[in-house]
Amino acid sequence: MLKQLLKGSSIFVFLLANNVSALAQAPESKTPTLVSQALQAQFQLSQAQTIISQEELQQFANLIPALQEIGQTSQQMAVQIIEQSGLSVERFQELSEAQQSPGTTPSSPATPEEQQSFNLVAPEIQSIQQETLTQQEELVRAGGLEPNRFNEILVAIQQDPGLQQQIQQIIQNN
């Protein structure tokens, strides 16, 4: 259960963890995401061991459900917008990945209609992503943690089975 929570919370962890995180990045977007910040935090953790207080663990655990709710709502909105455009989520993701990675090619070239739909939807998805990121950052701050610290804790929990058990216990007790 905790692994699902942590995996899902990696949306903030970040953002629409499963489907939309790859969907929403328009190629011109250079804005650092919390995911990239989490990777930086992971690198920093390899440099020095992170000490996490019980209070921080409690704050972290308290934030997970609300962060997941924000992510799920955003994911549903993004999927609805994509499907209304006439593209499937899988096709949108495929076209998005092909645009982001020049060496990647879609299973079939985009038709003019698909390209037009993609070009109309991609900015909307990026907007949802940015709004979600903002909401999640605000929530984390309101919960008593800075986003970078949240990410450091997330990485530490993912690497430490003992911390995973503690978080699971806190979540179950809430």
Protein backbone atom coordinates (compact mmCIF):
# COMPACT_ATOMS: atom_id res chain seq x y z
CA MET A 1 0.00 0.00 0.00
CA LEU A 2 2.75 2.45 0.94
CA LYS A 3 4.64 1.72 -2.25
CA GLN A 4 1.50 2.62 -4.20
CA LEU A 5 1.14 5.82 -2.20
CA LEU A 6 4.76 6.74 -2.72
CA LYS A 7 4.64 5.84 -6.38
CA GLY A 8 1.42 7.79 -6.83
CA SER A 9 2.72 10.67 -4.79
CA SER A 10 5.77 10.86 -6.96
CA ILE A 11 3.45 12.96 -8.96
CA PHE A 12 3.99 15.91 -6.86
CA VAL A 13 5.59 13.91 -7.14
CA PHE A 14 4.70 14.89 -8.99
CA LEU A 15 2.20 15.70 -11.36
CA LEU A 16 -0.08 13.20 -12.78
CA ALA A 17 2.39 10.53 -11.95
CA ASN A 18 1.46 7.89 -14.44
CA ASN A 19 -0.02 9.12 -17.69
CA VAL A 20 0.07 12.87 -17.80
CA SER A 21 3.57 13.60 -16.54
CA ALA A 22 4.95 12.54 -19.89
CA LEU A 23 1.99 13.96 -21.75
CA ALA A 24 2.08 17.49 -20.58
CA GLN A 25 5.60 18.58 -21.28
CA ALA A 26 5.50 20.76 -24.37
CA PRO A 27 8.89 20.85 -26.04
CA GLU A 28 9.37 24.57 -25.43
CA SER A 29 8.80 24.21 -21.69
CA LYS A 30 12.03 24.67 -19.78
CA THR A 31 10.41 25.21 -16.38
CA PRO A 32 12.00 22.95 -13.78
CA THR A 33 9.50 20.50 -12.38
CA LEU A 34 9.34 19.06 -8.94
CA VAL A 35 10.30 15.74 -10.49
CA SER A 36 13.58 17.25 -11.65
CA GLN A 37 13.93 18.80 -8.22
CA ALA A 38 13.38 15.36 -6.70
CA LEU A 39 16.17 14.01 -8.88
CA GLN A 40 18.42 16.80 -7.64
CA ALA A 41 17.40 15.98 -4.09
CA GLN A 42 18.26 12.33 -4.72
CA PHE A 43 21.71 13.37 -5.93
CA GLN A 44 22.13 15.55 -2.86
CA LEU A 45 21.08 12.65 -0.64
CA SER A 46 23.83 10.53 -2.10
CA GLN A 47 26.22 13.28 -1.00
CA ALA A 48 24.97 13.41 2.61
CA GLN A 49 22.58 11.39 4.74
CA THR A 50 19.28 13.11 5.43
CA ILE A 51 17.99 13.25 8.97
CA ILE A 52 14.20 13.39 9.16
CA SER A 53 12.38 14.32 12.34
CA GLN A 54 9.16 12.66 13.48
CA GLU A 55 7.40 15.98 12.92
CA GLU A 56 8.56 16.04 9.29
CA LEU A 57 7.43 12.45 8.78
CA GLN A 58 4.01 13.37 10.18
CA GLN A 59 3.80 16.43 7.93
CA PHE A 60 4.82 14.36 4.92
CA ALA A 61 2.27 11.64 5.65
CA ASN A 62 -0.48 14.21 6.17
CA LEU A 63 0.20 15.74 2.75
CA ILE A 64 0.10 12.54 0.68
CA PRO A 65 -3.71 12.13 0.37
CA ALA A 66 -4.31 15.76 -0.63
CA LEU A 67 -1.43 15.71 -3.11
CA GLN A 68 -2.81 12.56 -4.67
CA GLU A 69 -6.26 14.11 -4.91
CA ILE A 70 -4.89 17.17 -6.72
CA GLY A 71 -2.94 14.91 -9.08
CA GLN A 72 -5.89 12.65 -9.81
CA THR A 73 -8.19 15.59 -10.51
CA SER A 74 -5.64 17.10 -12.87
CA GLN A 75 -5.07 13.78 -14.57
CA GLN A 76 -8.79 13.36 -15.15
CA MET A 77 -9.02 16.87 -16.61
CA ALA A 78 -6.08 16.24 -18.92
CA VAL A 79 -7.45 12.90 -20.11
CA GLN A 80 -10.83 14.47 -20.79
CA ILE A 81 -9.27 17.29 -22.84
CA ILE A 82 -7.13 14.86 -24.82
CA GLU A 83 -10.03 12.53 -25.56
CA GLN A 84 -12.27 15.44 -26.58
CA SER A 85 -9.62 16.42 -29.11
CA GLY A 86 -10.08 13.12 -30.92
CA LEU A 87 -6.73 11.72 -29.81
CA SER A 88 -6.33 8.81 -27.45
CA VAL A 89 -4.19 9.40 -24.38
CA GLU A 90 -1.72 6.83 -25.72
CA ARG A 91 -1.46 8.57 -29.09
CA PHE A 92 -1.06 11.98 -27.46
CA GLN A 93 1.70 10.58 -25.27
CA GLU A 94 3.38 8.98 -28.26
CA LEU A 95 3.32 12.26 -30.23
CA SER A 96 4.52 14.18 -27.18
CA GLU A 97 7.45 11.83 -26.64
CA ALA A 98 8.37 12.04 -30.32
CA GLN A 99 8.45 15.84 -30.10
CA GLN A 100 10.49 15.85 -26.92
CA SER A 101 13.03 13.27 -28.03
CA PRO A 102 14.20 13.78 -31.60
CA GLY A 103 15.42 10.18 -31.87
CA THR A 104 11.99 8.83 -30.92
CA THR A 105 9.49 8.25 -33.68
CA PRO A 106 5.81 7.49 -33.26
CA SER A 107 4.47 4.13 -34.41
CA SER A 108 2.99 5.97 -37.38
CA PRO A 109 3.50 9.53 -38.56
CA ALA A 110 0.97 12.03 -37.27
CA THR A 111 -1.78 12.83 -39.71
CA PRO A 112 -2.42 16.53 -40.30
CA GLU A 113 -5.56 16.22 -38.15
CA GLU A 114 -3.67 14.51 -35.34
CA GLN A 115 -0.92 17.13 -35.47
CA GLN A 116 -3.49 19.92 -35.38
CA SER A 117 -5.28 18.33 -32.40
CA PHE A 118 -1.97 17.79 -30.64
CA ASN A 119 -0.89 21.39 -31.24
CA LEU A 120 -4.19 22.66 -29.78
CA VAL A 121 -4.21 20.35 -26.76
CA ALA A 122 -0.55 20.42 -25.72
CA PRO A 123 -0.67 23.99 -24.35
CA GLU A 124 -3.84 23.16 -22.40
CA ILE A 125 -2.16 20.12 -20.88
CA GLN A 126 0.91 22.17 -20.03
CA SER A 127 -1.31 24.75 -18.35
CA ILE A 128 -2.98 22.03 -16.26
CA GLN A 129 0.44 20.74 -15.33
CA GLN A 130 1.67 24.14 -14.23
CA GLU A 131 -1.48 24.82 -12.22
CA THR A 132 -1.22 21.42 -10.55
CA LEU A 133 2.41 22.02 -9.69
CA THR A 134 1.52 25.40 -8.19
CA GLN A 135 -1.33 23.91 -6.15
CA GLN A 136 0.87 21.11 -4.90
CA GLU A 137 3.71 23.45 -3.96
CA GLU A 138 1.27 25.68 -2.08
CA LEU A 139 -0.21 22.68 -0.28
CA VAL A 140 3.22 21.42 0.75
CA ARG A 141 4.17 24.84 2.09
CA ALA A 142 0.82 25.14 3.92
CA GLY A 143 1.54 21.70 5.39
CA GLY A 144 4.73 23.00 6.95
CA LEU A 145 7.37 21.80 4.47
CA GLU A 146 9.25 23.42 1.62
CA PRO A 147 8.97 21.56 -1.71
CA ASN A 148 12.70 20.78 -1.78
CA ARG A 149 12.52 19.32 1.73
CA PHE A 150 9.42 17.32 0.77
CA ASN A 151 11.39 15.89 -2.15
CA GLU A 152 14.37 15.07 0.06
CA ILE A 153 12.06 13.22 2.45
CA LEU A 154 10.39 11.41 -0.46
CA VAL A 155 13.72 10.18 -1.79
CA ALA A 156 14.87 9.12 1.69
CA ILE A 157 11.62 7.19 2.23
CA GLN A 158 11.93 5.47 -1.13
CA GLN A 159 15.46 4.34 -0.19
CA ASP A 160 14.83 3.33 3.42
CA PRO A 161 12.47 0.45 4.27
CA GLY A 162 12.41 1.56 7.91
CA LEU A 163 11.12 4.99 6.95
CA GLN A 164 8.61 3.35 4.63
CA GLN A 165 7.22 1.39 7.58
CA GLN A 166 7.04 4.51 9.72
CA ILE A 167 5.15 6.44 7.03
CA GLN A 168 2.81 3.50 6.46
CA GLN A 169 2.07 3.37 10.18
CA ILE A 170 1.38 7.12 10.33
CA ILE A 171 -0.92 6.94 7.29
CA GLN A 172 -2.82 3.97 8.75
CA ASN A 173 -3.24 5.78 12.09
CA ASN A 174 -4.64 8.87 10.38
